[in-house]
Amino acid sequence: MDELRTRPDLVVTGGRVVTPAGVRPATVTVTDGRITAVLDVDGGGGGDGGGDGGLPPDVPRVRADGCYVLPGLIDSHVHFRTPGLEHKEDWAHGSRAAVAGGVTTVIDMPNTVPPTLAPEALVAKAELVAGTSLVDYRFHLGADPRRPALLARLDPEIATTAKVFMAGHHTAPTVVRDPIALEKIFAAAAIGGVRLLLHAEDESIFALLDRWQGEPRSYFDYERRRPRSGGISAVARVLELVRRYGTEAHILHLSSAEEADLVTAARAAGLPVTFEVTGHHLSFTDADTRRLGARIRLSPAIRTQADQDRLWEALWAGEVACLGSDHAPHTVEEKTRPVPDAPPGLPGVQELAMAVWTGMRRRRPEEDPDLAVTRLVEHLSARPAEMFKLPGKGRLEPGADADLVVFDPTTPWMLSAHDVRSKCGWSAYEGWTMTGRVLTTIRGGQVAWDAERGAFGRPEGRWLSGVAARDRPRAEAVVRDRPRTEITARDPRHAEAEARDPSRVEAAVGDPSRGAGEREVTSA
């Protein structure tokens, strides 16, 4: 028991613990919201079979017999709709859905009302969320094509990522249609060290089809009318800008085999580009869209069986950087409007891990469950924590945040509307027989979800940011005192030279007169 220097205030015992060193029977001890030890069963002195016989008997215990103990899951792609769209989701309900699905950390998107397009908007949003969330949280800034220079001087204590909409839909606040504006965003993000997250579809392709045939009026041919060519074209454009500027880019909700091939090839060539796959693109095909209609009307559209098979291959091969839910609830009334007016999106944060695990076990039932669960943790905990700079998250080891999930990997159960915790009250997975279920979710050493009792914990989730995020005067000072920055969009010859020599990029920003044929834009 040398690992324990202080008395633990929680013990998770009896399960197979998924750690960076492997999966093994162990007991996890927690003190003051941190993991203090992962004790092997044979090192704990017998006792009740959980390997914790040397621990004080009056310490609260969570039993995980027959289950895996996972690090808390991270969903880096949610829309919890605050502010302005709380009629379809809010942080109280969204975070309940999250912990019921084993998610203890989320990163929220900027398309709210008003959208969060500036650092001060993120500070204000954090104040709205405080005291309502069961999960820890961070925010993606929205990339504003009118003020690209914000990204060049974005304080990482406020945000480290920015979302770019290359195509519009019902809640997209700012769509970047101008190629020069998009290039300025990439240039600014490269200077600021900001990772860009992209809804990468070419809207002009959809507009061309709609001018020819009109907007889609049924779901029978919805995928064909919002085709893969839109994604392929946009991804190719993103890869060229990444090559020019060296900007870190992350393609969201990638949907087709061709896009997966392009991004994987680009990464193999050394470009700093990654991609996300959603639970629903792994779970449904275009045949389901014809059957379920508005429930799985999405942007990007659900594609063919061949595309789904390629995305599963990418997951097994480790080409996928992370899994995301794209949790985007709408009310039933909104989803049942005429096809041109029905918004894309579905709730998914609660269903994500269980839907993916169910697919993994059905597609490869012979696979060692320890290997399968390690893969799930890799894409829903470890890699997101690393990509999005979440210290203390994603790893079940001493010193990490005490975010843990007790996961029953084998019990079948059927999801019904009664199980849905999202405020919208419905799920595209209703009627699915799931394999595996989240029994207990612990965030910061406190039980946030107890499935046996159907009970939630206290809404004490934290804004995961630096000093500025914890100190409002400091945050306001960071926003107020940033120096003005000028961003230029360059001809490809200058961009390529600067990608090879980052000092030239920064010098050109400081002196916009450098470089022939440059276009200048100054942040407001």
Protein backbone atom coordinates (compact mmCIF):
# COMPACT_ATOMS: atom_id res chain seq x y z
CA MET A 1 0.00 0.00 0.00
CA ASP A 2 2.98 2.34 -0.46
CA GLU A 3 1.11 4.03 -3.30
CA LEU A 4 -1.36 5.51 -0.82
CA ARG A 5 -0.10 8.47 1.14
CA THR A 6 -3.51 9.78 2.17
CA ARG A 7 -6.81 8.20 3.03
CA PRO A 8 -8.91 7.72 -0.13
CA ASP A 9 -12.42 9.09 -0.24
CA LEU A 10 -13.63 6.66 -2.97
CA VAL A 11 -12.62 3.20 -4.15
CA VAL A 12 -13.65 1.51 -7.40
CA THR A 13 -13.11 -2.20 -7.02
CA GLY A 14 -13.76 -5.55 -8.67
CA GLY A 15 -13.39 -4.52 -12.31
CA ARG A 16 -10.93 -4.87 -15.17
CA VAL A 17 -9.24 -1.49 -15.38
CA VAL A 18 -8.25 -0.03 -18.76
CA THR A 19 -4.93 1.76 -18.20
CA PRO A 20 -2.20 3.04 -20.55
CA ALA A 21 -0.20 -0.06 -19.58
CA GLY A 22 -2.98 -2.49 -20.47
CA VAL A 23 -6.18 -4.04 -19.13
CA ARG A 24 -5.99 -5.84 -15.80
CA PRO A 25 -8.00 -6.59 -12.64
CA ALA A 26 -7.31 -3.71 -10.27
CA THR A 27 -8.69 -1.36 -7.66
CA VAL A 28 -8.69 2.40 -8.25
CA THR A 29 -8.42 4.77 -5.30
CA VAL A 30 -9.48 8.41 -5.42
CA THR A 31 -8.68 11.35 -3.17
CA ASP A 32 -9.78 14.97 -3.64
CA GLY A 33 -10.88 14.41 -7.22
CA ARG A 34 -7.67 12.72 -8.37
CA ILE A 35 -6.66 9.10 -8.92
CA THR A 36 -4.15 8.22 -6.22
CA ALA A 37 -3.44 4.56 -7.05
CA VAL A 38 -4.27 1.68 -9.37
CA LEU A 39 -3.72 -1.40 -7.19
CA ASP A 40 -3.32 -4.88 -8.65
CA VAL A 41 -5.76 -7.40 -7.19
CA ASP A 42 -3.01 -9.60 -5.78
CA GLY A 43 -1.37 -6.55 -4.21
CA GLY A 44 -4.33 -5.49 -2.18
CA GLY A 45 -4.38 -8.24 0.39
CA GLY A 46 -7.46 -10.30 -0.51
CA GLY A 47 -10.43 -8.91 1.39
CA ASP A 48 -13.68 -9.03 -0.55
CA GLY A 49 -12.07 -10.10 -3.81
CA GLY A 50 -11.61 -6.58 -5.12
CA GLY A 51 -7.95 -6.31 -4.22
CA ASP A 52 -8.58 -3.61 -1.59
CA GLY A 53 -8.36 -5.60 1.62
CA GLY A 54 -5.81 -3.18 3.07
CA LEU A 55 -8.02 -0.14 2.59
CA PRO A 56 -10.21 1.24 5.39
CA PRO A 57 -13.55 -0.61 5.36
CA ASP A 58 -15.59 2.58 5.76
CA VAL A 59 -14.32 4.21 2.54
CA PRO A 60 -17.19 4.46 -0.01
CA ARG A 61 -16.89 1.80 -2.69
CA VAL A 62 -18.22 1.47 -6.22
CA ARG A 63 -18.41 -2.17 -7.29
CA ALA A 64 -17.41 -3.01 -10.84
CA ASP A 65 -17.67 -6.83 -10.74
CA GLY A 66 -17.75 -8.29 -14.24
CA CYS A 67 -17.25 -4.85 -15.79
CA TYR A 68 -14.55 -2.70 -17.30
CA VAL A 69 -13.41 0.48 -15.57
CA LEU A 70 -12.65 3.10 -18.23
CA PRO A 71 -11.24 6.60 -18.02
CA GLY A 72 -14.00 9.17 -18.44
CA LEU A 73 -14.94 9.56 -22.10
CA ILE A 74 -14.44 12.80 -24.03
CA ASP A 75 -16.89 14.02 -26.66
CA SER A 76 -15.18 16.84 -28.55
CA HIS A 77 -18.21 17.61 -30.75
CA VAL A 78 -21.44 18.59 -29.00
CA HIS A 79 -24.06 21.29 -29.46
CA PHE A 80 -25.60 21.94 -26.03
CA ARG A 81 -27.47 24.93 -27.54
CA THR A 82 -26.67 27.54 -24.86
CA PRO A 83 -27.21 30.43 -25.36
CA GLY A 84 -30.32 31.07 -27.38
CA LEU A 85 -31.54 27.61 -28.42
CA GLU A 86 -32.42 26.14 -25.03
CA HIS A 87 -35.88 25.11 -26.23
CA LYS A 88 -34.25 22.00 -27.77
CA GLU A 89 -31.30 21.40 -25.44
CA ASP A 90 -29.58 22.97 -22.44
CA TRP A 91 -26.58 22.12 -20.29
CA ALA A 92 -28.61 20.47 -17.54
CA HIS A 93 -30.16 17.96 -19.95
CA GLY A 94 -27.18 17.68 -22.31
CA SER A 95 -24.81 16.88 -19.48
CA ARG A 96 -27.24 14.28 -18.09
CA ALA A 97 -27.25 12.61 -21.49
CA ALA A 98 -23.46 12.77 -21.49
CA VAL A 99 -22.87 11.08 -18.13
CA ALA A 100 -25.53 8.46 -18.90
CA GLY A 101 -23.29 7.58 -21.86
CA GLY A 102 -20.05 7.60 -19.86
CA VAL A 103 -18.91 11.02 -21.12
CA THR A 104 -17.30 13.22 -18.46
CA THR A 105 -15.83 15.97 -20.67
CA VAL A 106 -17.35 17.75 -23.66
CA ILE A 107 -16.21 20.48 -26.04
CA ASP A 108 -19.12 22.60 -27.23
CA MET A 109 -19.56 24.16 -30.67
CA PRO A 110 -20.05 27.88 -31.41
CA ASN A 111 -23.30 27.87 -33.39
CA THR A 112 -25.59 29.32 -30.77
CA VAL A 113 -27.67 32.52 -30.66
CA PRO A 114 -25.66 34.70 -30.61
CA PRO A 115 -22.73 32.63 -31.92
CA THR A 116 -19.51 32.57 -29.93
CA LEU A 117 -17.18 34.25 -32.41
CA ALA A 118 -14.89 36.11 -30.01
CA PRO A 119 -13.02 35.27 -26.81
CA GLU A 120 -15.22 37.51 -24.69
CA ALA A 121 -18.24 35.52 -25.90
CA LEU A 122 -16.64 32.32 -24.57
CA VAL A 123 -16.07 33.97 -21.19
CA ALA A 124 -19.73 34.99 -21.08
CA LYS A 125 -20.84 31.53 -22.16
CA ALA A 126 -18.82 29.94 -19.37
CA GLU A 127 -20.66 32.13 -16.88
CA LEU A 128 -24.01 30.94 -18.27
CA VAL A 129 -23.01 27.29 -18.00
CA ALA A 130 -21.46 27.48 -14.51
CA GLY A 131 -23.43 25.52 -11.94
CA THR A 132 -25.56 23.64 -14.48
CA SER A 133 -23.21 20.99 -15.89
CA LEU A 134 -22.53 17.46 -14.69
CA VAL A 135 -19.50 17.28 -16.98
CA ASP A 136 -16.32 19.29 -17.41
CA TYR A 137 -16.34 21.42 -20.53
CA ARG A 138 -14.41 23.51 -22.99
CA PHE A 139 -15.56 25.55 -25.99
CA HIS A 140 -14.52 25.75 -29.64
CA LEU A 141 -14.39 29.35 -30.84
CA GLY A 142 -16.24 30.13 -34.07
CA ALA A 143 -13.96 31.30 -36.91
CA ASP A 144 -15.27 34.68 -38.07
CA PRO A 145 -14.32 35.44 -41.71
CA ARG A 146 -14.72 39.16 -40.93
CA ARG A 147 -12.06 39.00 -38.19
CA PRO A 148 -9.56 36.27 -39.01
CA ALA A 149 -6.82 38.00 -37.01
CA LEU A 150 -8.53 36.94 -33.79
CA LEU A 151 -7.08 33.49 -34.40
CA ALA A 152 -3.54 34.80 -34.67
CA ARG A 153 -3.70 36.21 -31.13
CA LEU A 154 -6.12 33.84 -29.44
CA ASP A 155 -5.03 33.27 -25.85
CA PRO A 156 -4.83 29.50 -25.21
CA GLU A 157 -6.18 30.10 -21.71
CA ILE A 158 -9.50 30.95 -23.40
CA ALA A 159 -9.52 28.48 -26.34
CA THR A 160 -7.14 26.48 -28.50
CA THR A 161 -9.49 25.51 -31.34
CA ALA A 162 -11.83 27.19 -33.82
CA LYS A 163 -14.70 25.80 -35.90
CA VAL A 164 -14.97 26.68 -39.60
CA PHE A 165 -18.24 26.15 -41.48
CA MET A 166 -17.49 25.69 -45.17
CA ALA A 167 -21.16 24.94 -45.85
CA GLY A 168 -24.34 26.36 -44.38
CA HIS A 169 -27.28 24.82 -42.63
CA HIS A 170 -30.00 25.90 -40.23
CA THR A 171 -27.76 26.82 -37.29
CA ALA A 172 -24.46 27.70 -39.01
CA PRO A 173 -23.62 31.26 -37.87
CA THR A 174 -20.90 32.22 -40.34
CA VAL A 175 -20.26 30.24 -43.50
CA VAL A 176 -16.89 30.82 -45.15
CA ARG A 177 -17.71 30.83 -48.85
CA ASP A 178 -14.94 33.15 -50.08
CA PRO A 179 -11.68 31.28 -50.83
CA ILE A 180 -9.61 34.32 -49.84
CA ALA A 181 -11.38 34.56 -46.49
CA LEU A 182 -10.76 30.85 -45.89
CA GLU A 183 -7.07 31.30 -46.70
CA LYS A 184 -6.80 34.18 -44.22
CA ILE A 185 -8.31 31.98 -41.52
CA PHE A 186 -5.74 29.26 -42.21
CA ALA A 187 -2.90 31.80 -42.17
CA ALA A 188 -4.06 33.33 -38.88
CA ALA A 189 -4.59 29.95 -37.22
CA ALA A 190 -1.06 28.88 -38.21
CA ILE A 191 0.38 31.95 -36.53
CA GLY A 192 -1.73 31.52 -33.39
CA GLY A 193 -1.17 27.77 -33.09
CA VAL A 194 -4.93 27.22 -33.29
CA ARG A 195 -6.30 23.90 -34.49
CA LEU A 196 -9.07 24.42 -37.05
CA LEU A 197 -12.10 22.11 -36.96
CA LEU A 198 -13.91 22.03 -40.26
CA HIS A 199 -17.35 21.21 -41.50
CA ALA A 200 -15.78 20.44 -44.88
CA GLU A 201 -18.41 20.43 -47.61
CA ASP A 202 -18.48 22.49 -50.79
CA GLU A 203 -21.78 24.33 -50.68
CA SER A 204 -21.51 25.44 -54.29
CA ILE A 205 -21.93 21.81 -55.43
CA PHE A 206 -25.21 21.50 -53.53
CA ALA A 207 -26.40 24.87 -54.86
CA LEU A 208 -25.64 23.76 -58.41
CA LEU A 209 -27.70 20.59 -57.96
CA ASP A 210 -30.57 22.54 -56.39
CA ARG A 211 -30.65 25.02 -59.28
CA TRP A 212 -30.96 22.05 -61.62
CA GLN A 213 -33.55 20.00 -59.76
CA GLY A 214 -34.74 22.12 -56.83
CA GLU A 215 -34.16 21.36 -53.15
CA PRO A 216 -34.70 17.76 -51.98
CA ARG A 217 -38.40 17.11 -51.35
CA SER A 218 -38.13 13.60 -49.97
CA TYR A 219 -35.65 11.46 -48.07
CA PHE A 220 -35.66 8.75 -50.70
CA ASP A 221 -32.85 10.39 -52.67
CA TYR A 222 -31.48 12.70 -49.98
CA GLU A 223 -27.95 11.26 -50.03
CA ARG A 224 -27.71 11.60 -53.81
CA ARG A 225 -28.82 15.24 -53.60
CA ARG A 226 -26.22 16.05 -50.89
CA PRO A 227 -23.48 13.91 -52.42
CA ARG A 228 -19.96 12.88 -51.43
CA SER A 229 -18.53 15.20 -54.08
CA GLY A 230 -19.27 18.12 -51.77
CA GLY A 231 -17.09 16.61 -49.07
CA ILE A 232 -14.33 15.43 -51.40
CA SER A 233 -14.01 18.88 -53.00
CA ALA A 234 -13.88 20.65 -49.63
CA VAL A 235 -11.39 18.20 -48.11
CA ALA A 236 -9.08 18.64 -51.10
CA ARG A 237 -9.20 22.41 -50.58
CA VAL A 238 -8.43 22.00 -46.88
CA LEU A 239 -5.45 19.76 -47.59
CA GLU A 240 -3.98 22.33 -49.98
CA LEU A 241 -4.26 25.07 -47.35
CA VAL A 242 -2.73 22.82 -44.71
CA ARG A 243 0.14 22.17 -47.10
CA ARG A 244 0.66 25.89 -47.71
CA TYR A 245 0.46 27.14 -44.15
CA GLY A 246 1.16 24.16 -41.90
CA THR A 247 -2.09 24.80 -40.03
CA GLU A 248 -3.35 21.97 -37.85
CA ALA A 249 -6.73 20.88 -39.26
CA HIS A 250 -9.32 18.39 -38.06
CA ILE A 251 -12.10 17.28 -40.41
CA LEU A 252 -15.35 16.78 -38.53
CA HIS A 253 -17.95 14.07 -39.21
CA LEU A 254 -16.11 12.66 -42.22
CA SER A 255 -18.61 10.59 -44.18
CA SER A 256 -17.17 8.94 -47.30
CA ALA A 257 -14.53 6.42 -48.27
CA GLU A 258 -12.82 8.87 -50.60
CA GLU A 259 -12.45 11.50 -47.88
CA ALA A 260 -10.99 8.92 -45.50
CA ASP A 261 -8.47 7.92 -48.16
CA LEU A 262 -7.49 11.54 -48.86
CA VAL A 263 -6.94 12.52 -45.24
CA THR A 264 -5.12 9.30 -44.40
CA ALA A 265 -2.81 9.76 -47.38
CA ALA A 266 -2.17 13.39 -46.44
CA ARG A 267 -1.30 12.44 -42.88
CA ALA A 268 1.03 9.72 -44.14
CA ALA A 269 2.73 12.43 -46.21
CA GLY A 270 3.36 14.41 -43.04
CA LEU A 271 0.57 16.97 -43.10
CA PRO A 272 -0.93 17.90 -39.69
CA VAL A 273 -4.47 16.84 -40.55
CA THR A 274 -6.80 14.44 -38.73
CA PHE A 275 -10.41 13.36 -38.96
CA GLU A 276 -13.35 12.47 -36.75
CA VAL A 277 -16.00 9.82 -37.34
CA THR A 278 -19.40 10.04 -35.69
CA GLY A 279 -21.40 7.25 -34.12
CA HIS A 280 -24.22 7.76 -36.58
CA HIS A 281 -22.01 7.45 -39.66
CA LEU A 282 -20.83 4.13 -38.23
CA SER A 283 -24.38 3.04 -37.35
CA PHE A 284 -26.64 4.01 -40.27
CA THR A 285 -26.59 3.95 -44.08
CA ASP A 286 -28.51 5.79 -46.77
CA ALA A 287 -31.03 2.93 -46.73
CA ASP A 288 -31.83 3.93 -43.15
CA THR A 289 -32.34 7.54 -44.25
CA ARG A 290 -35.01 6.38 -46.68
CA ARG A 291 -36.64 4.44 -43.83
CA LEU A 292 -36.20 6.85 -40.89
CA GLY A 293 -36.31 10.14 -42.77
CA ALA A 294 -35.91 13.24 -40.63
CA ARG A 295 -34.56 11.34 -37.62
CA ILE A 296 -31.26 10.84 -39.41
CA ARG A 297 -31.30 13.80 -41.76
CA LEU A 298 -27.74 14.97 -41.28
CA SER A 299 -25.13 17.25 -42.71
CA PRO A 300 -23.03 15.58 -44.08
CA ALA A 301 -25.57 13.02 -45.19
CA ILE A 302 -25.44 9.38 -44.14
CA ARG A 303 -23.75 7.50 -46.98
CA THR A 304 -23.67 3.99 -48.43
CA GLN A 305 -22.82 0.65 -46.89
CA ALA A 306 -19.45 0.74 -48.66
CA ASP A 307 -18.67 4.09 -47.04
CA GLN A 308 -19.66 2.81 -43.63
CA ASP A 309 -17.44 -0.24 -44.11
CA ARG A 310 -14.49 2.03 -45.00
CA LEU A 311 -15.03 4.14 -41.86
CA TRP A 312 -15.00 1.01 -39.71
CA GLU A 313 -11.76 -0.05 -41.39
CA ALA A 314 -10.32 3.37 -40.59
CA LEU A 315 -11.27 2.93 -36.96
CA TRP A 316 -9.67 -0.49 -36.69
CA ALA A 317 -6.54 0.72 -38.50
CA GLY A 318 -6.14 3.70 -36.16
CA GLU A 319 -6.61 6.20 -39.00
CA VAL A 320 -9.49 7.85 -37.15
CA ALA A 321 -8.20 10.43 -34.66
CA CYS A 322 -11.29 10.47 -32.48
CA LEU A 323 -14.96 9.61 -32.30
CA GLY A 324 -17.56 12.32 -31.80
CA SER A 325 -21.30 12.41 -31.36
CA ASP A 326 -22.11 15.67 -33.16
CA HIS A 327 -24.87 15.82 -30.53
CA ALA A 328 -27.25 18.27 -32.24
CA PRO A 329 -30.79 17.93 -30.87
CA HIS A 330 -33.88 19.46 -32.46
CA THR A 331 -37.47 19.25 -31.33
CA VAL A 332 -39.85 16.76 -32.90
CA GLU A 333 -41.80 19.67 -34.36
CA GLU A 334 -38.68 21.00 -36.09
CA LYS A 335 -37.66 17.61 -37.45
CA THR A 336 -41.09 16.91 -38.92
CA ARG A 337 -41.30 20.07 -40.99
CA PRO A 338 -41.32 19.74 -44.80
CA VAL A 339 -38.05 18.32 -46.08
CA PRO A 340 -36.49 21.62 -47.23
CA ASP A 341 -37.16 23.18 -43.81
CA ALA A 342 -36.26 20.30 -41.47
CA PRO A 343 -32.92 20.93 -39.75
CA PRO A 344 -30.11 18.34 -39.92
CA GLY A 345 -28.87 16.82 -36.69
CA LEU A 346 -29.72 14.31 -33.97
CA PRO A 347 -28.95 13.74 -30.29
CA GLY A 348 -25.99 11.41 -29.79
CA VAL A 349 -23.79 12.06 -26.78
CA GLN A 350 -25.62 9.47 -24.68
CA GLU A 351 -25.65 6.85 -27.42
CA LEU A 352 -22.13 7.32 -28.82
CA ALA A 353 -20.01 4.85 -26.85
CA MET A 354 -22.70 2.18 -26.65
CA ALA A 355 -23.55 2.39 -30.35
CA VAL A 356 -19.89 2.11 -31.35
CA TRP A 357 -19.24 -0.72 -28.89
CA THR A 358 -22.32 -2.56 -30.20
CA GLY A 359 -21.02 -2.18 -33.75
CA MET A 360 -17.56 -3.37 -32.75
CA ARG A 361 -18.88 -6.53 -31.13
CA ARG A 362 -21.25 -7.32 -34.00
CA ARG A 363 -18.68 -6.79 -36.73
CA ARG A 364 -15.85 -8.61 -34.96
CA PRO A 365 -17.38 -10.90 -32.35
CA GLU A 366 -14.22 -12.99 -32.26
CA GLU A 367 -12.02 -10.07 -31.23
CA ASP A 368 -10.56 -10.12 -27.72
CA PRO A 369 -12.82 -7.78 -25.69
CA ASP A 370 -9.78 -6.31 -23.94
CA LEU A 371 -8.38 -5.26 -27.32
CA ALA A 372 -11.73 -3.87 -28.43
CA VAL A 373 -12.27 -1.83 -25.27
CA THR A 374 -8.72 -0.48 -25.49
CA ARG A 375 -9.52 0.78 -28.98
CA LEU A 376 -12.71 2.42 -27.73
CA VAL A 377 -10.77 4.19 -24.97
CA GLU A 378 -8.06 5.25 -27.42
CA HIS A 379 -10.54 7.09 -29.64
CA LEU A 380 -12.90 8.38 -26.95
CA SER A 381 -10.42 9.26 -24.19
CA ALA A 382 -6.68 9.16 -24.85
CA ARG A 383 -6.44 10.75 -28.29
CA PRO A 384 -9.03 13.50 -27.70
CA ALA A 385 -7.27 14.45 -24.46
CA GLU A 386 -3.99 14.79 -26.33
CA MET A 387 -5.40 16.53 -29.41
CA PHE A 388 -7.40 19.10 -27.49
CA LYS A 389 -4.85 19.69 -24.74
CA LEU A 390 -6.87 18.43 -21.80
CA PRO A 391 -4.35 17.74 -19.03
CA GLY A 392 -5.51 15.19 -16.49
CA LYS A 393 -8.02 13.69 -18.88
CA GLY A 394 -8.13 10.53 -20.97
CA ARG A 395 -5.86 8.28 -18.89
CA LEU A 396 -6.58 6.08 -15.92
CA GLU A 397 -3.40 6.45 -13.86
CA PRO A 398 -2.22 8.08 -10.63
CA GLY A 399 -2.38 11.87 -10.78
CA ALA A 400 -5.09 11.98 -13.44
CA ASP A 401 -8.52 13.46 -12.84
CA ALA A 402 -10.80 10.94 -11.14
CA ASP A 403 -13.12 10.57 -14.14
CA LEU A 404 -14.11 6.90 -14.40
CA VAL A 405 -16.79 4.79 -16.04
CA VAL A 406 -18.03 1.39 -14.93
CA PHE A 407 -19.00 -0.27 -18.20
CA ASP A 408 -20.86 -3.58 -18.49
CA PRO A 409 -19.63 -4.92 -21.87
CA THR A 410 -22.02 -7.82 -22.45
CA THR A 411 -25.56 -7.23 -21.19
CA PRO A 412 -28.06 -6.66 -24.02
CA TRP A 413 -30.78 -4.04 -23.60
CA MET A 414 -33.16 -2.10 -25.81
CA LEU A 415 -33.03 1.70 -25.97
CA SER A 416 -36.41 3.40 -25.72
CA ALA A 417 -37.56 7.03 -25.56
CA HIS A 418 -37.86 6.55 -21.80
CA ASP A 419 -34.06 6.19 -21.62
CA VAL A 420 -33.34 9.43 -23.48
CA ARG A 421 -31.89 12.15 -21.25
CA SER A 422 -31.57 14.86 -23.90
CA LYS A 423 -34.17 17.61 -23.64
CA CYS A 424 -35.47 16.83 -27.13
CA GLY A 425 -36.82 13.50 -25.81
CA TRP A 426 -36.12 11.26 -28.81
CA SER A 427 -33.29 9.20 -30.28
CA ALA A 428 -32.53 7.80 -33.72
CA TYR A 429 -31.49 4.60 -31.91
CA GLU A 430 -34.89 3.90 -30.35
CA GLY A 431 -35.59 0.17 -30.71
CA TRP A 432 -31.92 -0.74 -31.04
CA THR A 433 -30.72 -3.68 -28.99
CA MET A 434 -27.46 -2.45 -27.54
CA THR A 435 -24.63 -4.62 -26.29
CA GLY A 436 -23.11 -3.12 -23.16
CA ARG A 437 -24.25 -0.39 -20.83
CA VAL A 438 -22.79 2.37 -18.65
CA LEU A 439 -23.60 1.53 -15.03
CA THR A 440 -21.74 4.27 -13.16
CA THR A 441 -20.07 7.50 -14.25
CA ILE A 442 -17.72 9.34 -11.90
CA ARG A 443 -16.50 12.88 -12.60
CA GLY A 444 -13.90 14.45 -10.36
CA GLY A 445 -14.30 11.70 -7.79
CA GLN A 446 -18.05 12.22 -7.46
CA VAL A 447 -20.71 9.86 -8.81
CA ALA A 448 -22.45 11.75 -11.62
CA TRP A 449 -24.64 8.87 -12.85
CA ASP A 450 -25.87 5.74 -11.10
CA ALA A 451 -27.88 3.62 -13.54
CA GLU A 452 -29.16 1.23 -10.86
CA ARG A 453 -30.87 4.07 -9.01
CA GLY A 454 -31.47 6.23 -12.08
CA ALA A 455 -29.84 9.07 -10.13
CA PHE A 456 -27.59 11.95 -11.13
CA GLY A 457 -24.99 13.73 -9.05
CA ARG A 458 -24.40 17.41 -8.45
CA PRO A 459 -23.82 19.82 -11.39
CA GLU A 460 -20.25 20.75 -10.47
CA GLY A 461 -18.58 20.46 -13.88
CA ARG A 462 -15.67 22.84 -14.53
CA TRP A 463 -14.63 25.06 -17.41
CA LEU A 464 -11.34 23.45 -18.50
CA SER A 465 -9.09 26.32 -19.31
CA GLY A 466 -6.20 28.26 -17.86
CA VAL A 467 -5.86 31.07 -15.33
CA ALA A 468 -7.90 33.44 -17.46
CA ALA A 469 -10.85 31.07 -17.45
CA ARG A 470 -10.84 30.78 -13.66
CA ASP A 471 -10.41 34.51 -13.05
CA ARG A 472 -12.93 36.81 -14.77
CA PRO A 473 -10.83 40.02 -14.39
CA ARG A 474 -7.84 38.18 -15.86
CA ALA A 475 -9.99 36.85 -18.71
CA GLU A 476 -11.29 40.32 -19.50
CA ALA A 477 -7.75 41.65 -19.48
CA VAL A 478 -6.64 38.93 -21.90
CA VAL A 479 -9.46 39.87 -24.27
CA ARG A 480 -8.92 43.62 -23.92
CA ASP A 481 -5.13 43.79 -24.13
CA ARG A 482 -4.44 41.59 -27.14
CA PRO A 483 -2.33 43.47 -29.71
CA ARG A 484 -3.78 44.23 -33.11
CA THR A 485 -2.74 41.76 -35.76
CA GLU A 486 -2.79 41.99 -39.54
CA ILE A 487 -3.35 38.91 -41.69
CA THR A 488 -2.67 38.65 -45.38
CA ALA A 489 -3.71 36.10 -47.95
CA ARG A 490 -0.75 35.38 -50.18
CA ASP A 491 -0.18 33.98 -53.57
CA PRO A 492 0.82 30.29 -53.41
CA ARG A 493 4.53 30.97 -53.98
CA HIS A 494 4.80 33.08 -50.82
CA ALA A 495 2.56 30.73 -48.84
CA GLU A 496 4.69 27.72 -49.69
CA ALA A 497 7.93 29.50 -48.75
CA GLU A 498 6.46 30.60 -45.44
CA ALA A 499 5.19 27.12 -44.65
CA ARG A 500 8.82 26.00 -44.87
CA ASP A 501 9.98 28.95 -42.73
CA PRO A 502 7.43 29.93 -40.03
CA SER A 503 9.46 33.05 -39.13
CA ARG A 504 8.56 34.47 -42.55
CA VAL A 505 4.85 34.09 -41.77
CA GLU A 506 5.20 36.00 -38.51
CA ALA A 507 7.38 38.65 -40.12
CA ALA A 508 4.83 39.17 -42.87
CA VAL A 509 2.07 39.56 -40.31
CA GLY A 510 4.10 42.22 -38.52
CA ASP A 511 4.85 43.96 -41.81
CA PRO A 512 1.94 43.59 -44.25
CA SER A 513 3.88 45.36 -46.97
CA ARG A 514 5.99 42.22 -47.49
CA GLY A 515 5.19 40.02 -50.43
CA ALA A 516 3.84 40.96 -53.82
CA GLY A 517 0.17 40.60 -54.54
CA GLU A 518 -0.85 40.38 -50.85
CA ARG A 519 -4.30 41.34 -49.65
CA GLU A 520 -4.53 42.92 -46.24
CA VAL A 521 -7.25 42.55 -43.64
CA THR A 522 -7.08 44.02 -40.16
CA SER A 523 -9.05 42.69 -37.23
CA ALA A 524 -11.74 44.97 -35.88
